[in-house]
PDB file of N, CA and C in Angstrom:
ATOM      1  N   MET A   1     -87.660  20.686  37.477  1.00  0.00           N
ATOM      2  CA  MET A   1     -86.374  20.020  37.415  1.00  0.00           C
ATOM      3  C   MET A   1     -85.647  20.472  36.145  1.00  0.00           C
ATOM      4  N   PRO A   2     -84.377  20.869  36.234  1.00  0.00           N
ATOM      5  CA  PRO A   2     -83.647  21.343  35.062  1.00  0.00           C
ATOM      6  C   PRO A   2     -83.379  20.215  34.064  1.00  0.00           C
ATOM      7  N   ASN A   3     -83.286  20.597  32.803  1.00  0.00           N
ATOM      8  CA  ASN A   3     -82.948  19.644  31.758  1.00  0.00           C
ATOM      9  C   ASN A   3     -81.436  19.613  31.552  1.00  0.00           C
ATOM     10  N   GLY A   4     -80.944  18.510  31.046  1.00  0.00           N
ATOM     11  CA  GLY A   4     -79.524  18.426  30.731  1.00  0.00           C
ATOM     12  C   GLY A   4     -78.705  17.865  31.872  1.00  0.00           C
ATOM     13  N   ALA A   5     -77.409  17.923  31.666  1.00  0.00           N
ATOM     14  CA  ALA A   5     -76.460  17.361  32.624  1.00  0.00           C
ATOM     15  C   ALA A   5     -76.417  18.185  33.913  1.00  0.00           C
ATOM     16  N   THR A   6     -76.225  17.508  35.020  1.00  0.00           N
ATOM     17  CA  THR A   6     -76.035  18.203  36.297  1.00  0.00           C
ATOM     18  C   THR A   6     -74.633  18.803  36.307  1.00  0.00           C
ATOM     19  N   TRP A   7     -74.375  19.669  37.256  1.00  0.00           N
ATOM     20  CA  TRP A   7     -73.039  20.256  37.364  1.00  0.00           C
ATOM     21  C   TRP A   7     -71.999  19.187  37.678  1.00  0.00           C
ATOM     22  N   VAL A   8     -72.381  18.191  38.445  1.00  0.00           N
ATOM     23  CA  VAL A   8     -71.452  17.096  38.747  1.00  0.00           C
ATOM     24  C   VAL A   8     -71.100  16.358  37.461  1.00  0.00           C
ATOM     25  N   GLU A   9     -72.103  16.081  36.624  1.00  0.00           N
ATOM     26  CA  GLU A   9     -71.846  15.416  35.347  1.00  0.00           C
ATOM     27  C   GLU A   9     -71.024  16.302  34.414  1.00  0.00           C
ATOM     28  N   ARG A  10     -71.321  17.585  34.427  1.00  0.00           N
ATOM     29  CA  ARG A  10     -70.581  18.516  33.561  1.00  0.00           C
ATOM     30  C   ARG A  10     -69.120  18.610  33.965  1.00  0.00           C
ATOM     31  N   ALA A  11     -68.837  18.493  35.243  1.00  0.00           N
ATOM     32  CA  ALA A  11     -67.449  18.589  35.711  1.00  0.00           C
ATOM     33  C   ALA A  11     -66.566  17.556  35.034  1.00  0.00           C
ATOM     34  N   ALA A  12     -67.126  16.401  34.717  1.00  0.00           N
ATOM     35  CA  ALA A  12     -66.352  15.329  34.088  1.00  0.00           C
ATOM     36  C   ALA A  12     -66.181  15.532  32.585  1.00  0.00           C
ATOM     37  N   MET A  13     -66.827  16.531  32.007  1.00  0.00           N
ATOM     38  CA  MET A  13     -66.796  16.725  30.558  1.00  0.00           C
ATOM     39  C   MET A  13     -65.573  17.474  30.053  1.00  0.00           C
ATOM     40  N   GLY A  14     -64.811  18.082  30.933  1.00  0.00           N
ATOM     41  CA  GLY A  14     -63.660  18.863  30.498  1.00  0.00           C
ATOM     42  C   GLY A  14     -63.976  20.345  30.468  1.00  0.00           C
ATOM     43  N   GLU A  15     -62.922  21.116  30.355  1.00  0.00           N
ATOM     44  CA  GLU A  15     -62.972  22.577  30.481  1.00  0.00           C
ATOM     45  C   GLU A  15     -64.181  23.264  29.862  1.00  0.00           C
ATOM     46  N   LEU A  16     -64.220  23.405  28.556  1.00  0.00           N
ATOM     47  CA  LEU A  16     -65.250  24.238  27.942  1.00  0.00           C
ATOM     48  C   LEU A  16     -66.622  23.599  27.968  1.00  0.00           C
ATOM     49  N   ARG A  17     -66.701  22.309  27.761  1.00  0.00           N
ATOM     50  CA  ARG A  17     -68.005  21.635  27.812  1.00  0.00           C
ATOM     51  C   ARG A  17     -68.591  21.730  29.219  1.00  0.00           C
ATOM     52  N   ALA A  18     -67.742  21.683  30.224  1.00  0.00           N
ATOM     53  CA  ALA A  18     -68.215  21.728  31.607  1.00  0.00           C
ATOM     54  C   ALA A  18     -68.805  23.084  31.960  1.00  0.00           C
ATOM     55  N   VAL A  19     -68.162  24.149  31.549  1.00  0.00           N
ATOM     56  CA  VAL A  19     -68.574  25.458  32.047  1.00  0.00           C
ATOM     57  C   VAL A  19     -69.326  26.316  31.049  1.00  0.00           C
ATOM     58  N   ILE A  20     -69.237  26.018  29.759  1.00  0.00           N
ATOM     59  CA  ILE A  20     -69.981  26.822  28.785  1.00  0.00           C
ATOM     60  C   ILE A  20     -71.226  26.070  28.333  1.00  0.00           C
ATOM     61  N   SER A  21     -71.045  25.004  27.551  1.00  0.00           N
ATOM     62  CA  SER A  21     -72.216  24.244  27.106  1.00  0.00           C
ATOM     63  C   SER A  21     -71.826  22.823  26.752  1.00  0.00           C
ATOM     64  N   PRO A  22     -72.422  21.863  27.430  1.00  0.00           N
ATOM     65  CA  PRO A  22     -72.107  20.471  27.123  1.00  0.00           C
ATOM     66  C   PRO A  22     -72.680  20.009  25.789  1.00  0.00           C
ATOM     67  N   THR A  23     -73.638  20.761  25.234  1.00  0.00           N
ATOM     68  CA  THR A  23     -74.269  20.335  23.990  1.00  0.00           C
ATOM     69  C   THR A  23     -73.865  21.178  22.781  1.00  0.00           C
ATOM     70  N   ALA A  24     -73.178  22.279  22.987  1.00  0.00           N
ATOM     71  CA  ALA A  24     -72.769  23.132  21.871  1.00  0.00           C
ATOM     72  C   ALA A  24     -71.622  22.480  21.107  1.00  0.00           C
ATOM     73  N   SER A  25     -71.433  22.955  19.908  1.00  0.00           N
ATOM     74  CA  SER A  25     -70.304  22.476  19.107  1.00  0.00           C
ATOM     75  C   SER A  25     -69.005  22.983  19.713  1.00  0.00           C
ATOM     76  N   ASP A  26     -67.907  22.326  19.380  1.00  0.00           N
ATOM     77  CA  ASP A  26     -66.606  22.816  19.846  1.00  0.00           C
ATOM     78  C   ASP A  26     -66.368  24.235  19.342  1.00  0.00           C
ATOM     79  N   ARG A  27     -66.789  24.499  18.105  1.00  0.00           N
ATOM     80  CA  ARG A  27     -66.619  25.843  17.541  1.00  0.00           C
ATOM     81  C   ARG A  27     -67.399  26.880  18.353  1.00  0.00           C
ATOM     82  N   GLY A  28     -68.634  26.537  18.730  1.00  0.00           N
ATOM     83  CA  GLY A  28     -69.432  27.457  19.540  1.00  0.00           C
ATOM     84  C   GLY A  28     -68.811  27.702  20.903  1.00  0.00           C
ATOM     85  N   ASN A  29     -68.362  26.643  21.555  1.00  0.00           N
ATOM     86  CA  ASN A  29     -67.703  26.798  22.852  1.00  0.00           C
ATOM     87  C   ASN A  29     -66.411  27.586  22.723  1.00  0.00           C
ATOM     88  N   ASP A  30     -65.644  27.326  21.670  1.00  0.00           N
ATOM     89  CA  ASP A  30     -64.396  28.070  21.456  1.00  0.00           C
ATOM     90  C   ASP A  30     -64.671  29.558  21.266  1.00  0.00           C
ATOM     91  N   PHE A  31     -65.734  29.888  20.520  1.00  0.00           N
ATOM     92  CA  PHE A  31     -66.087  31.294  20.308  1.00  0.00           C
ATOM     93  C   PHE A  31     -66.443  31.963  21.633  1.00  0.00           C
ATOM     94  N   HIS A  32     -67.332  31.346  22.409  1.00  0.00           N
ATOM     95  CA  HIS A  32     -67.712  31.927  23.698  1.00  0.00           C
ATOM     96  C   HIS A  32     -66.515  32.047  24.630  1.00  0.00           C
ATOM     97  N   HIS A  33     -65.651  31.055  24.590  1.00  0.00           N
ATOM     98  CA  HIS A  33     -64.449  31.100  25.420  1.00  0.00           C
ATOM     99  C   HIS A  33     -63.552  32.266  25.004  1.00  0.00           C
ATOM    100  N   ALA A  34     -63.391  32.472  23.706  1.00  0.00           N
ATOM    101  CA  ALA A  34     -62.558  33.580  23.221  1.00  0.00           C
ATOM    102  C   ALA A  34     -63.109  34.927  23.678  1.00  0.00           C
ATOM    103  N   VAL A  35     -64.423  35.071  23.687  1.00  0.00           N
ATOM    104  CA  VAL A  35     -65.043  36.308  24.176  1.00  0.00           C
ATOM    105  C   VAL A  35     -64.722  36.503  25.655  1.00  0.00           C
ATOM    106  N   HIS A  36     -64.806  35.429  26.432  1.00  0.00           N
ATOM    107  CA  HIS A  36     -64.495  35.516  27.866  1.00  0.00           C
ATOM    108  C   HIS A  36     -63.025  35.853  28.103  1.00  0.00           C
ATOM    109  N   VAL A  37     -62.142  35.255  27.324  1.00  0.00           N
ATOM    110  CA  VAL A  37     -60.708  35.552  27.465  1.00  0.00           C
ATOM    111  C   VAL A  37     -60.439  37.010  27.123  1.00  0.00           C
ATOM    112  N   PHE A  38     -61.067  37.516  26.071  1.00  0.00           N
ATOM    113  CA  PHE A  38     -60.910  38.925  25.717  1.00  0.00           C
ATOM    114  C   PHE A  38     -61.369  39.822  26.867  1.00  0.00           C
ATOM    115  N   ALA A  39     -62.541  39.524  27.428  1.00  0.00           N
ATOM    116  CA  ALA A  39     -63.062  40.322  28.540  1.00  0.00           C
ATOM    117  C   ALA A  39     -62.138  40.250  29.752  1.00  0.00           C
ATOM    118  N   ALA A  40     -61.612  39.072  30.046  1.00  0.00           N
ATOM    119  CA  ALA A  40     -60.695  38.921  31.185  1.00  0.00           C
ATOM    120  C   ALA A  40     -59.408  39.698  30.945  1.00  0.00           C
ATOM    121  N   THR A  41     -58.937  39.706  29.717  1.00  0.00           N
ATOM    122  CA  THR A  41     -57.716  40.442  29.375  1.00  0.00           C
ATOM    123  C   THR A  41     -57.929  41.946  29.545  1.00  0.00           C
ATOM    124  N   VAL A  42     -59.065  42.441  29.092  1.00  0.00           N
ATOM    125  CA  VAL A  42     -59.387  43.862  29.255  1.00  0.00           C
ATOM    126  C   VAL A  42     -59.533  44.191  30.739  1.00  0.00           C
ATOM    127  N   ALA A  43     -60.225  43.335  31.485  1.00  0.00           N
ATOM    128  CA  ALA A  43     -60.385  43.568  32.927  1.00  0.00           C
ATOM    129  C   ALA A  43     -59.037  43.600  33.623  1.00  0.00           C
ATOM    130  N   LEU A  44     -58.171  42.686  33.261  1.00  0.00           N
ATOM    131  CA  LEU A  44     -56.843  42.629  33.876  1.00  0.00           C
ATOM    132  C   LEU A  44     -56.038  43.885  33.560  1.00  0.00           C
ATOM    133  N   ARG A  45     -56.149  44.370  32.358  1.00  0.00           N
ATOM    134  CA  ARG A  45     -55.436  45.585  31.949  1.00  0.00           C
ATOM    135  C   ARG A  45     -55.890  46.785  32.775  1.00  0.00           C
ATOM    136  N   ASN A  46     -57.160  46.799  33.180  1.00  0.00           N
ATOM    137  CA  ASN A  46     -57.722  47.928  33.926  1.00  0.00           C
ATOM    138  C   ASN A  46     -57.782  47.697  35.429  1.00  0.00           C
ATOM    139  N   TYR A  47     -57.327  46.552  35.878  1.00  0.00           N
ATOM    140  CA  TYR A  47     -57.399  46.193  37.297  1.00  0.00           C
ATOM    141  C   TYR A  47     -56.246  46.840  38.049  1.00  0.00           C
ATOM    142  N   ARG A  48     -56.568  47.614  39.054  1.00  0.00           N
ATOM    143  CA  ARG A  48     -55.525  48.339  39.789  1.00  0.00           C
ATOM    144  C   ARG A  48     -55.636  48.165  41.299  1.00  0.00           C
ATOM    145  N   GLN A  49     -56.385  47.195  41.778  1.00  0.00           N
ATOM    146  CA  GLN A  49     -56.678  47.103  43.199  1.00  0.00           C
ATOM    147  C   GLN A  49     -55.652  46.347  44.024  1.00  0.00           C
ATOM    148  N   GLY A  50     -54.859  45.501  43.433  1.00  0.00           N
ATOM    149  CA  GLY A  50     -53.907  44.734  44.221  1.00  0.00           C
ATOM    150  C   GLY A  50     -53.699  43.354  43.646  1.00  0.00           C
ATOM    151  N   PRO A  51     -52.975  42.518  44.372  1.00  0.00           N
ATOM    152  CA  PRO A  51     -52.583  41.219  43.819  1.00  0.00           C
ATOM    153  C   PRO A  51     -53.595  40.094  44.018  1.00  0.00           C
ATOM    154  N   ARG A  52     -54.810  40.406  44.518  1.00  0.00           N
ATOM    155  CA  ARG A  52     -55.784  39.345  44.791  1.00  0.00           C
ATOM    156  C   ARG A  52     -57.114  39.633  44.114  1.00  0.00           C
ATOM    157  N   ILE A  53     -57.751  38.558  43.625  1.00  0.00           N
ATOM    158  CA  ILE A  53     -59.095  38.676  43.074  1.00  0.00           C
ATOM    159  C   ILE A  53     -59.915  37.471  43.532  1.00  0.00           C
ATOM    160  N   ILE A  54     -61.225  37.562  43.354  1.00  0.00           N
ATOM    161  CA  ILE A  54     -62.129  36.457  43.678  1.00  0.00           C
ATOM    162  C   ILE A  54     -62.785  36.000  42.384  1.00  0.00           C
ATOM    163  N   ASP A  55     -62.791  34.693  42.167  1.00  0.00           N
ATOM    164  CA  ASP A  55     -63.493  34.108  41.025  1.00  0.00           C
ATOM    165  C   ASP A  55     -64.724  33.391  41.572  1.00  0.00           C
ATOM    166  N   PHE A  56     -65.874  34.044  41.465  1.00  0.00           N
ATOM    167  CA  PHE A  56     -67.136  33.444  41.916  1.00  0.00           C
ATOM    168  C   PHE A  56     -67.616  32.463  40.859  1.00  0.00           C
ATOM    169  N   GLY A  57     -67.898  31.235  41.271  1.00  0.00           N
ATOM    170  CA  GLY A  57     -68.337  30.223  40.317  1.00  0.00           C
ATOM    171  C   GLY A  57     -67.210  29.857  39.373  1.00  0.00           C
ATOM    172  N   CYS A  58     -66.087  29.456  39.935  1.00  0.00           N
ATOM    173  CA  CYS A  58     -64.860  29.256  39.152  1.00  0.00           C
ATOM    174  C   CYS A  58     -64.907  28.044  38.229  1.00  0.00           C
ATOM    175  N   GLY A  59     -65.935  27.210  38.366  1.00  0.00           N
ATOM    176  CA  GLY A  59     -66.013  26.049  37.481  1.00  0.00           C
ATOM    177  C   GLY A  59     -64.793  25.162  37.626  1.00  0.00           C
ATOM    178  N   THR A  60     -64.219  24.798  36.492  1.00  0.00           N
ATOM    179  CA  THR A  60     -63.045  23.916  36.508  1.00  0.00           C
ATOM    180  C   THR A  60     -61.743  24.685  36.692  1.00  0.00           C
ATOM    181  N   GLY A  61     -61.822  25.993  36.846  1.00  0.00           N
ATOM    182  CA  GLY A  61     -60.643  26.778  37.198  1.00  0.00           C
ATOM    183  C   GLY A  61     -59.844  27.375  36.056  1.00  0.00           C
ATOM    184  N   TRP A  62     -60.421  27.439  34.861  1.00  0.00           N
ATOM    185  CA  TRP A  62     -59.656  27.986  33.747  1.00  0.00           C
ATOM    186  C   TRP A  62     -59.209  29.405  34.043  1.00  0.00           C
ATOM    187  N   PHE A  63     -60.139  30.251  34.505  1.00  0.00           N
ATOM    188  CA  PHE A  63     -59.767  31.631  34.781  1.00  0.00           C
ATOM    189  C   PHE A  63     -58.967  31.776  36.068  1.00  0.00           C
ATOM    190  N   VAL A  64     -59.071  30.837  36.967  1.00  0.00           N
ATOM    191  CA  VAL A  64     -58.186  30.822  38.137  1.00  0.00           C
ATOM    192  C   VAL A  64     -56.742  30.726  37.642  1.00  0.00           C
ATOM    193  N   ARG A  65     -56.497  29.793  36.744  1.00  0.00           N
ATOM    194  CA  ARG A  65     -55.143  29.627  36.185  1.00  0.00           C
ATOM    195  C   ARG A  65     -54.739  30.823  35.324  1.00  0.00           C
ATOM    196  N   PHE A  66     -55.682  31.360  34.552  1.00  0.00           N
ATOM    197  CA  PHE A  66     -55.413  32.525  33.707  1.00  0.00           C
ATOM    198  C   PHE A  66     -54.881  33.681  34.553  1.00  0.00           C
ATOM    199  N   PHE A  67     -55.602  34.026  35.622  1.00  0.00           N
ATOM    200  CA  PHE A  67     -55.187  35.144  36.467  1.00  0.00           C
ATOM    201  C   PHE A  67     -53.963  34.802  37.311  1.00  0.00           C
ATOM    202  N   ALA A  68     -53.856  33.571  37.769  1.00  0.00           N
ATOM    203  CA  ALA A  68     -52.672  33.167  38.540  1.00  0.00           C
ATOM    204  C   ALA A  68     -51.415  33.264  37.681  1.00  0.00           C
ATOM    205  N   ASP A  69     -51.533  32.902  36.417  1.00  0.00           N
ATOM    206  CA  ASP A  69     -50.385  33.023  35.503  1.00  0.00           C
ATOM    207  C   ASP A  69     -49.960  34.468  35.301  1.00  0.00           C
ATOM    208  N   LYS A  70     -50.861  35.406  35.604  1.00  0.00           N
ATOM    209  CA  LYS A  70     -50.551  36.839  35.483  1.00  0.00           C
ATOM    210  C   LYS A  70     -50.051  37.401  36.816  1.00  0.00           C
ATOM    211  N   GLY A  71     -49.841  36.526  37.806  1.00  0.00           N
ATOM    212  CA  GLY A  71     -49.271  36.949  39.077  1.00  0.00           C
ATOM    213  C   GLY A  71     -50.269  37.311  40.155  1.00  0.00           C
ATOM    214  N   LEU A  72     -51.545  37.054  39.932  1.00  0.00           N
ATOM    215  CA  LEU A  72     -52.549  37.372  40.941  1.00  0.00           C
ATOM    216  C   LEU A  72     -52.854  36.156  41.804  1.00  0.00           C
ATOM    217  N   ALA A  73     -53.121  36.397  43.064  1.00  0.00           N
ATOM    218  CA  ALA A  73     -53.620  35.343  43.948  1.00  0.00           C
ATOM    219  C   ALA A  73     -55.128  35.299  43.754  1.00  0.00           C
ATOM    220  N   VAL A  74     -55.667  34.132  43.462  1.00  0.00           N
ATOM    221  CA  VAL A  74     -57.088  34.013  43.144  1.00  0.00           C
ATOM    222  C   VAL A  74     -57.785  33.181  44.216  1.00  0.00           C
ATOM    223  N   PHE A  75     -58.771  33.788  44.860  1.00  0.00           N
ATOM    224  CA  PHE A  75     -59.632  33.061  45.786  1.00  0.00           C
ATOM    225  C   PHE A  75     -60.780  32.520  44.960  1.00  0.00           C
ATOM    226  N   ARG A  76     -60.968  31.210  44.977  1.00  0.00           N
ATOM    227  CA  ARG A  76     -61.988  30.611  44.122  1.00  0.00           C
ATOM    228  C   ARG A  76     -63.155  30.088  44.941  1.00  0.00           C
ATOM    229  N   THR A  77     -64.336  30.266  44.385  1.00  0.00           N
ATOM    230  CA  THR A  77     -65.544  29.744  45.001  1.00  0.00           C
ATOM    231  C   THR A  77     -66.308  28.923  43.969  1.00  0.00           C
ATOM    232  N   GLU A  78     -66.968  27.879  44.436  1.00  0.00           N
ATOM    233  CA  GLU A  78     -67.752  27.026  43.547  1.00  0.00           C
ATOM    234  C   GLU A  78     -68.677  26.196  44.417  1.00  0.00           C
ATOM    235  N   ILE A  79     -69.919  26.019  44.005  1.00  0.00           N
ATOM    236  CA  ILE A  79     -70.847  25.233  44.813  1.00  0.00           C
ATOM    237  C   ILE A  79     -70.811  23.756  44.484  1.00  0.00           C
ATOM    238  N   THR A  80     -70.203  23.389  43.367  1.00  0.00           N
ATOM    239  CA  THR A  80     -70.129  21.992  42.968  1.00  0.00           C
ATOM    240  C   THR A  80     -68.744  21.446  43.308  1.00  0.00           C
ATOM    241  N   PHE A  81     -68.677  20.511  44.237  1.00  0.00           N
ATOM    242  CA  PHE A  81     -67.400  19.985  44.688  1.00  0.00           C
ATOM    243  C   PHE A  81     -66.569  19.453  43.530  1.00  0.00           C
ATOM    244  N   ASP A  82     -67.195  18.748  42.591  1.00  0.00           N
ATOM    245  CA  ASP A  82     -66.450  18.139  41.479  1.00  0.00           C
ATOM    246  C   ASP A  82     -65.797  19.216  40.605  1.00  0.00           C
ATOM    247  N   MET A  83     -66.470  20.335  40.407  1.00  0.00           N
ATOM    248  CA  MET A  83     -65.872  21.451  39.656  1.00  0.00           C
ATOM    249  C   MET A  83     -64.698  22.034  40.444  1.00  0.00           C
ATOM    250  N   LEU A  84     -64.909  22.262  41.725  1.00  0.00           N
ATOM    251  CA  LEU A  84     -63.854  22.842  42.564  1.00  0.00           C
ATOM    252  C   LEU A  84     -62.653  21.925  42.638  1.00  0.00           C
ATOM    253  N   ALA A  85     -62.874  20.622  42.661  1.00  0.00           N
ATOM    254  CA  ALA A  85     -61.760  19.658  42.687  1.00  0.00           C
ATOM    255  C   ALA A  85     -60.902  19.811  41.440  1.00  0.00           C
ATOM    256  N   ASP A  86     -61.521  20.073  40.284  1.00  0.00           N
ATOM    257  CA  ASP A  86     -60.757  20.311  39.058  1.00  0.00           C
ATOM    258  C   ASP A  86     -60.008  21.629  39.121  1.00  0.00           C
ATOM    259  N   ALA A  87     -60.638  22.616  39.760  1.00  0.00           N
ATOM    260  CA  ALA A  87     -60.025  23.935  39.832  1.00  0.00           C
ATOM    261  C   ALA A  87     -58.794  23.907  40.719  1.00  0.00           C
TER     262      ALA A  87
END
């Protein structure tokens, strides 16, 4: 049995705590988030396939909104209903 909060419990924790780490410091979550945003920005700069992408395990939808704000249609997938409801 896994330790820590379930995905349903994490969904209620808010953006970064839900998808990165519910027990890390805000500074730690902010750092990991900044790395992910940098990677997404680089990926977007090099993406040439069309106006649609898939976000597997979209969590609360932060990157769904990130890519949608850049004009892409984002198909989102998530196995936890509570996370998908936020997305």
